[in-house]
Amino acid sequence: MADEKETKKPETEAQQPEDAKTENAPEEAAAPETKAGETKAADGKDDKKKKKKDLKDALAQKEAELAEQKDQHLRLMAEYQNYRNRTTEEKKKIYGDAKVDCVKELLNVMDTFERALEAPCADENYKKGVELTFTQIQKAFEKLGVTEIAALGETFDPNLHNAIKQVDDSDYESDKVCEVFQKGYLLGDRLIRPAMVAVSV
């Protein structure tokens, strides 16, 4: 009996470590799973950080592209505005030059009508017709902005008067226009033709 007890004891002792091993086994098995979970969580965080960084980089790139596009658009609009201003000024200049050329040609007609009015005429109806036509030309010039340069009795102005001779005239002070040979005209502030005059000395 004693032998049986002795033989059973070692079996029990032998069983205990196996049971202990069995009890510890789930803990050991759970440990690698926990480490794997922690690794996955860490990888997930890294992926999120990487994605966030990639998104930030992509956003920064798109913002830079948008800023560049805005800059190009503003430059294009500025160039277009400059082009419009330049072409408007060119059109005004062309129109002004064409207007001056046209008025210059018509001034010769005006001079001819003035001489016709000064000439003696026996036919009153004919003379009235010439006067009426001359009046109409004057009105047309006024509408265009053409004005006659004041000359007779005025102080000589080399910018407006062209002195073709000097005269010793007691009726006028020195450096005054004493005779007008051809009228001068302005178109707005622009000189079309200076007045041809004689200046007293």
C-alpha atoms as a PDB file:
ATOM      1  CA  MET A   1       0.000   0.000   0.000  1.00  0.00           C
ATOM      2  CA  ALA A   2       2.799   2.299   0.822  1.00  0.00           C
ATOM      3  CA  ASP A   3       4.361   1.485  -2.466  1.00  0.00           C
ATOM      4  CA  GLU A   4       1.177   2.339  -4.288  1.00  0.00           C
ATOM      5  CA  LYS A   5       0.981   5.713  -2.544  1.00  0.00           C
ATOM      6  CA  GLU A   6       4.554   6.411  -3.412  1.00  0.00           C
ATOM      7  CA  THR A   7       3.985   5.520  -6.974  1.00  0.00           C
ATOM      8  CA  LYS A   8       0.891   7.735  -7.181  1.00  0.00           C
ATOM      9  CA  LYS A   9       2.667  10.749  -5.787  1.00  0.00           C
ATOM     10  CA  PRO A  10       5.102  11.075  -8.595  1.00  0.00           C
ATOM     11  CA  GLU A  11       2.281  10.735 -11.056  1.00  0.00           C
ATOM     12  CA  THR A  12       0.467  13.607  -9.342  1.00  0.00           C
ATOM     13  CA  GLU A  13       3.627  15.635  -9.299  1.00  0.00           C
ATOM     14  CA  ALA A  14       4.197  14.773 -12.886  1.00  0.00           C
ATOM     15  CA  GLN A  15       0.672  15.841 -13.703  1.00  0.00           C
ATOM     16  CA  GLN A  16       0.987  19.182 -11.957  1.00  0.00           C
ATOM     17  CA  PRO A  17       3.595  20.639 -14.262  1.00  0.00           C
ATOM     18  CA  GLU A  18       1.569  19.501 -17.275  1.00  0.00           C
ATOM     19  CA  ASP A  19      -1.517  21.176 -15.808  1.00  0.00           C
ATOM     20  CA  ALA A  20       0.505  24.280 -15.102  1.00  0.00           C
ATOM     21  CA  LYS A  21       1.783  24.172 -18.636  1.00  0.00           C
ATOM     22  CA  THR A  22      -1.774  23.817 -19.887  1.00  0.00           C
ATOM     23  CA  GLU A  23      -2.919  26.756 -17.758  1.00  0.00           C
ATOM     24  CA  ASN A  24      -0.029  28.961 -18.946  1.00  0.00           C
ATOM     25  CA  ALA A  25      -0.534  27.957 -22.556  1.00  0.00           C
ATOM     26  CA  PRO A  26      -3.501  30.298 -23.236  1.00  0.00           C
ATOM     27  CA  GLU A  27      -1.552  33.197 -21.758  1.00  0.00           C
ATOM     28  CA  GLU A  28       1.427  32.421 -23.969  1.00  0.00           C
ATOM     29  CA  ALA A  29      -0.850  31.987 -26.985  1.00  0.00           C
ATOM     30  CA  ALA A  30      -2.590  35.300 -26.225  1.00  0.00           C
ATOM     31  CA  ALA A  31       0.738  37.154 -25.953  1.00  0.00           C
ATOM     32  CA  PRO A  32       1.668  36.805 -29.666  1.00  0.00           C
ATOM     33  CA  GLU A  33      -1.882  37.781 -30.645  1.00  0.00           C
ATOM     34  CA  THR A  34      -1.618  40.946 -28.523  1.00  0.00           C
ATOM     35  CA  LYS A  35       1.740  41.806 -30.075  1.00  0.00           C
ATOM     36  CA  ALA A  36       0.300  41.215 -33.533  1.00  0.00           C
ATOM     37  CA  GLY A  37      -2.647  43.492 -32.690  1.00  0.00           C
ATOM     38  CA  GLU A  38      -0.301  46.205 -31.430  1.00  0.00           C
ATOM     39  CA  THR A  39       1.772  45.897 -34.618  1.00  0.00           C
ATOM     40  CA  LYS A  40      -1.339  46.175 -36.778  1.00  0.00           C
ATOM     41  CA  ALA A  41      -2.521  49.221 -34.800  1.00  0.00           C
ATOM     42  CA  ALA A  42       0.907  50.822 -35.201  1.00  0.00           C
ATOM     43  CA  ASP A  43       0.876  50.025 -38.925  1.00  0.00           C
ATOM     44  CA  GLY A  44      -2.628  51.488 -39.160  1.00  0.00           C
ATOM     45  CA  LYS A  45      -1.470  54.705 -37.466  1.00  0.00           C
ATOM     46  CA  ASP A  46       1.519  54.898 -39.799  1.00  0.00           C
ATOM     47  CA  ASP A  47      -0.764  54.404 -42.802  1.00  0.00           C
ATOM     48  CA  LYS A  48      -3.095  57.132 -41.580  1.00  0.00           C
ATOM     49  CA  LYS A  49      -0.170  59.488 -41.009  1.00  0.00           C
ATOM     50  CA  LYS A  50       1.183  58.685 -44.465  1.00  0.00           C
ATOM     51  CA  LYS A  51      -2.228  59.213 -46.083  1.00  0.00           C
ATOM     52  CA  LYS A  52      -2.691  62.465 -44.201  1.00  0.00           C
ATOM     53  CA  LYS A  53       0.748  63.671 -45.301  1.00  0.00           C
ATOM     54  CA  ASP A  54       0.016  62.638 -48.905  1.00  0.00           C
ATOM     55  CA  LEU A  55      -3.286  64.522 -48.806  1.00  0.00           C
ATOM     56  CA  LYS A  56      -1.599  67.604 -47.360  1.00  0.00           C
ATOM     57  CA  ASP A  57       1.063  67.453 -50.079  1.00  0.00           C
ATOM     58  CA  ALA A  58      -1.580  67.010 -52.786  1.00  0.00           C
ATOM     59  CA  LEU A  59      -3.597  69.926 -51.364  1.00  0.00           C
ATOM     60  CA  ALA A  60      -0.503  72.145 -51.226  1.00  0.00           C
ATOM     61  CA  GLN A  61       0.304  71.218 -54.834  1.00  0.00           C
ATOM     62  CA  LYS A  62      -3.243  72.002 -55.997  1.00  0.00           C
ATOM     63  CA  GLU A  63      -3.212  75.312 -54.099  1.00  0.00           C
ATOM     64  CA  ALA A  64       0.071  76.219 -55.789  1.00  0.00           C
ATOM     65  CA  GLU A  65      -1.406  75.310 -59.183  1.00  0.00           C
ATOM     66  CA  LEU A  66      -4.515  77.392 -58.423  1.00  0.00           C
ATOM     67  CA  ALA A  67      -2.379  80.364 -57.380  1.00  0.00           C
ATOM     68  CA  GLU A  68      -0.393  80.040 -60.620  1.00  0.00           C
ATOM     69  CA  GLN A  69      -3.603  79.870 -62.673  1.00  0.00           C
ATOM     70  CA  LYS A  70      -4.970  82.947 -60.869  1.00  0.00           C
ATOM     71  CA  ASP A  71      -1.740  84.808 -61.537  1.00  0.00           C
ATOM     72  CA  GLN A  72      -1.858  83.864 -65.232  1.00  0.00           C
ATOM     73  CA  HIS A  73      -5.511  84.932 -65.406  1.00  0.00           C
ATOM     74  CA  LEU A  74      -4.766  88.303 -63.790  1.00  0.00           C
ATOM     75  CA  ARG A  75      -1.830  88.871 -66.131  1.00  0.00           C
ATOM     76  CA  LEU A  76      -3.975  87.976 -69.146  1.00  0.00           C
ATOM     77  CA  MET A  77      -6.728  90.353 -68.003  1.00  0.00           C
ATOM     78  CA  ALA A  78      -4.177  93.144 -67.472  1.00  0.00           C
ATOM     79  CA  GLU A  79      -2.696  92.552 -70.939  1.00  0.00           C
ATOM     80  CA  TYR A  80      -6.175  92.569 -72.476  1.00  0.00           C
ATOM     81  CA  GLN A  81      -7.054  95.824 -70.681  1.00  0.00           C
ATOM     82  CA  ASN A  82      -3.795  97.389 -71.892  1.00  0.00           C
ATOM     83  CA  TYR A  83      -4.588  96.206 -75.416  1.00  0.00           C
ATOM     84  CA  ARG A  84      -8.079  97.734 -75.224  1.00  0.00           C
ATOM     85  CA  ASN A  85      -6.712 101.046 -73.912  1.00  0.00           C
ATOM     86  CA  ARG A  86      -4.007 101.100 -76.577  1.00  0.00           C
ATOM     87  CA  THR A  87      -6.421 100.331 -79.426  1.00  0.00           C
ATOM     88  CA  THR A  88      -8.902 102.922 -78.105  1.00  0.00           C
ATOM     89  CA  GLU A  89      -6.164 105.567 -78.077  1.00  0.00           C
ATOM     90  CA  GLU A  90      -5.033 104.507 -81.565  1.00  0.00           C
ATOM     91  CA  LYS A  91      -8.614 104.747 -82.861  1.00  0.00           C
ATOM     92  CA  LYS A  92      -8.999 108.207 -81.334  1.00  0.00           C
ATOM     93  CA  LYS A  93      -5.731 109.330 -82.903  1.00  0.00           C
ATOM     94  CA  ILE A  94      -6.651 107.886 -86.301  1.00  0.00           C
ATOM     95  CA  TYR A  95     -10.084 109.505 -86.123  1.00  0.00           C
ATOM     96  CA  GLY A  96      -8.539 112.820 -85.024  1.00  0.00           C
ATOM     97  CA  ASP A  97      -5.962 112.730 -87.828  1.00  0.00           C
ATOM     98  CA  ALA A  98      -8.613 111.879 -90.432  1.00  0.00           C
ATOM     99  CA  LYS A  99     -10.828 114.679 -89.122  1.00  0.00           C
ATOM    100  CA  VAL A 100      -7.974 117.198 -89.336  1.00  0.00           C
ATOM    101  CA  ASP A 101      -7.120 116.118 -92.895  1.00  0.00           C
ATOM    102  CA  CYS A 102     -10.768 116.468 -93.935  1.00  0.00           C
ATOM    103  CA  VAL A 103     -11.147 119.913 -92.330  1.00  0.00           C
ATOM    104  CA  LYS A 104      -7.885 121.098 -93.914  1.00  0.00           C
ATOM    105  CA  GLU A 105      -9.266 120.296 -97.361  1.00  0.00           C
ATOM    106  CA  LEU A 106     -12.566 122.026 -96.610  1.00  0.00           C
ATOM    107  CA  LEU A 107     -10.789 125.163 -95.384  1.00  0.00           C
ATOM    108  CA  ASN A 108      -9.735 125.851 -98.966  1.00  0.00           C
ATOM    109  CA  VAL A 109     -13.427 125.765 -99.943  1.00  0.00           C
ATOM    110  CA  MET A 110     -14.181 128.126 -97.032  1.00  0.00           C
ATOM    111  CA  ASP A 111     -11.532 130.578 -98.256  1.00  0.00           C
ATOM    112  CA  THR A 112     -12.999 130.480-101.773  1.00  0.00           C
ATOM    113  CA  PHE A 113     -16.494 131.238-100.450  1.00  0.00           C
ATOM    114  CA  GLU A 114     -15.159 134.194 -98.419  1.00  0.00           C
ATOM    115  CA  ARG A 115     -13.500 135.645-101.527  1.00  0.00           C
ATOM    116  CA  ALA A 116     -16.729 135.101-103.465  1.00  0.00           C
ATOM    117  CA  LEU A 117     -18.649 137.045-100.804  1.00  0.00           C
ATOM    118  CA  GLU A 118     -16.209 139.970-101.043  1.00  0.00           C
ATOM    119  CA  ALA A 119     -16.472 140.119-104.839  1.00  0.00           C
ATOM    120  CA  PRO A 120     -19.041 142.527-106.288  1.00  0.00           C
ATOM    121  CA  CYS A 121     -22.178 140.834-107.635  1.00  0.00           C
ATOM    122  CA  ALA A 122     -25.132 142.414-109.488  1.00  0.00           C
ATOM    123  CA  ASP A 123     -27.400 139.397-108.938  1.00  0.00           C
ATOM    124  CA  GLU A 124     -28.765 139.636-105.376  1.00  0.00           C
ATOM    125  CA  ASN A 125     -30.301 136.148-105.432  1.00  0.00           C
ATOM    126  CA  TYR A 126     -26.962 134.638-106.442  1.00  0.00           C
ATOM    127  CA  LYS A 127     -25.202 136.534-103.650  1.00  0.00           C
ATOM    128  CA  LYS A 128     -27.768 135.350-101.077  1.00  0.00           C
ATOM    129  CA  GLY A 129     -27.265 131.758-102.215  1.00  0.00           C
ATOM    130  CA  VAL A 130     -23.497 132.062-101.711  1.00  0.00           C
ATOM    131  CA  GLU A 131     -24.032 133.631 -98.267  1.00  0.00           C
ATOM    132  CA  LEU A 132     -26.431 130.837 -97.278  1.00  0.00           C
ATOM    133  CA  THR A 133     -23.974 128.148 -98.379  1.00  0.00           C
ATOM    134  CA  PHE A 134     -21.150 129.884 -96.499  1.00  0.00           C
ATOM    135  CA  THR A 135     -23.307 130.027 -93.326  1.00  0.00           C
ATOM    136  CA  GLN A 136     -24.051 126.306 -93.615  1.00  0.00           C
ATOM    137  CA  ILE A 137     -20.338 125.497 -93.910  1.00  0.00           C
ATOM    138  CA  GLN A 138     -19.625 127.625 -90.837  1.00  0.00           C
ATOM    139  CA  LYS A 139     -22.299 125.760 -88.833  1.00  0.00           C
ATOM    140  CA  ALA A 140     -20.908 122.395 -89.970  1.00  0.00           C
ATOM    141  CA  PHE A 141     -17.436 123.483 -88.800  1.00  0.00           C
ATOM    142  CA  GLU A 142     -18.846 124.552 -85.422  1.00  0.00           C
ATOM    143  CA  LYS A 143     -20.432 121.104 -84.969  1.00  0.00           C
ATOM    144  CA  LEU A 144     -17.077 119.502 -85.735  1.00  0.00           C
ATOM    145  CA  GLY A 145     -15.406 121.718 -83.117  1.00  0.00           C
ATOM    146  CA  VAL A 146     -13.547 123.942 -85.586  1.00  0.00           C
ATOM    147  CA  THR A 147     -12.983 127.499 -84.361  1.00  0.00           C
ATOM    148  CA  GLU A 148     -11.389 130.517 -86.004  1.00  0.00           C
ATOM    149  CA  ILE A 149      -8.180 131.868 -84.469  1.00  0.00           C
ATOM    150  CA  ALA A 150      -8.503 135.455 -83.258  1.00  0.00           C
ATOM    151  CA  ALA A 151      -5.920 137.479 -85.145  1.00  0.00           C
ATOM    152  CA  LEU A 152      -6.627 141.108 -86.107  1.00  0.00           C
ATOM    153  CA  GLY A 153      -5.610 143.476 -83.308  1.00  0.00           C
ATOM    154  CA  GLU A 154      -4.276 140.586 -81.175  1.00  0.00           C
ATOM    155  CA  THR A 155      -0.714 140.324 -79.870  1.00  0.00           C
ATOM    156  CA  PHE A 156       1.371 138.217 -82.229  1.00  0.00           C
ATOM    157  CA  ASP A 157       1.583 134.565 -81.050  1.00  0.00           C
ATOM    158  CA  PRO A 158       4.064 132.422 -82.991  1.00  0.00           C
ATOM    159  CA  ASN A 159       2.109 129.305 -81.968  1.00  0.00           C
ATOM    160  CA  LEU A 160      -1.073 130.560 -83.678  1.00  0.00           C
ATOM    161  CA  HIS A 161       0.080 133.212 -86.174  1.00  0.00           C
ATOM    162  CA  ASN A 162       2.437 133.000 -89.107  1.00  0.00           C
ATOM    163  CA  ALA A 163       3.912 136.465 -89.819  1.00  0.00           C
ATOM    164  CA  ILE A 164       4.621 136.851 -93.499  1.00  0.00           C
ATOM    165  CA  LYS A 165       5.622 140.519 -93.218  1.00  0.00           C
ATOM    166  CA  GLN A 166       6.182 143.386 -90.794  1.00  0.00           C
ATOM    167  CA  VAL A 167       4.426 146.702 -91.264  1.00  0.00           C
ATOM    168  CA  ASP A 168       5.022 150.150 -89.770  1.00  0.00           C
ATOM    169  CA  ASP A 169       1.395 150.934 -88.962  1.00  0.00           C
ATOM    170  CA  SER A 170       0.567 153.829 -86.642  1.00  0.00           C
ATOM    171  CA  ASP A 171      -2.944 152.462 -86.019  1.00  0.00           C
ATOM    172  CA  TYR A 172      -1.562 149.435 -84.162  1.00  0.00           C
ATOM    173  CA  GLU A 173       0.884 149.042 -81.314  1.00  0.00           C
ATOM    174  CA  SER A 174       4.158 147.230 -81.802  1.00  0.00           C
ATOM    175  CA  ASP A 175       3.926 143.428 -82.093  1.00  0.00           C
ATOM    176  CA  LYS A 176       0.200 143.517 -82.892  1.00  0.00           C
ATOM    177  CA  VAL A 177      -1.458 141.804 -85.863  1.00  0.00           C
ATOM    178  CA  CYS A 178      -2.465 144.600 -88.219  1.00  0.00           C
ATOM    179  CA  GLU A 179      -3.611 142.602 -91.241  1.00  0.00           C
ATOM    180  CA  VAL A 180      -4.894 139.042 -91.895  1.00  0.00           C
ATOM    181  CA  PHE A 181      -4.130 137.424 -95.246  1.00  0.00           C
ATOM    182  CA  GLN A 182      -5.544 134.007 -94.442  1.00  0.00           C
ATOM    183  CA  LYS A 183      -7.609 132.948 -91.415  1.00  0.00           C
ATOM    184  CA  GLY A 184      -6.301 130.339 -89.025  1.00  0.00           C
ATOM    185  CA  TYR A 185      -8.333 127.555 -87.418  1.00  0.00           C
ATOM    186  CA  LEU A 186      -8.241 125.218 -84.434  1.00  0.00           C
ATOM    187  CA  LEU A 187      -9.896 121.829 -84.014  1.00  0.00           C
ATOM    188  CA  GLY A 188     -10.479 121.729 -80.277  1.00  0.00           C
ATOM    189  CA  ASP A 189      -7.012 122.534 -78.905  1.00  0.00           C
ATOM    190  CA  ARG A 190      -5.262 121.240 -82.019  1.00  0.00           C
ATOM    191  CA  LEU A 191      -3.905 123.718 -84.562  1.00  0.00           C
ATOM    192  CA  ILE A 192      -5.162 122.967 -88.061  1.00  0.00           C
ATOM    193  CA  ARG A 193      -3.784 126.020 -89.826  1.00  0.00           C
ATOM    194  CA  PRO A 194      -2.038 129.120 -88.435  1.00  0.00           C
ATOM    195  CA  ALA A 195      -3.307 132.542 -89.450  1.00  0.00           C
ATOM    196  CA  MET A 196      -1.219 134.280 -92.125  1.00  0.00           C
ATOM    197  CA  VAL A 197      -0.730 137.823 -90.836  1.00  0.00           C
ATOM    198  CA  ALA A 198       1.194 141.061 -90.974  1.00  0.00           C
ATOM    199  CA  VAL A 199       2.675 142.357 -87.724  1.00  0.00           C
ATOM    200  CA  SER A 200       3.152 146.020 -86.799  1.00  0.00           C
ATOM    201  CA  VAL A 201       6.586 147.189 -85.704  1.00  0.00           C
END
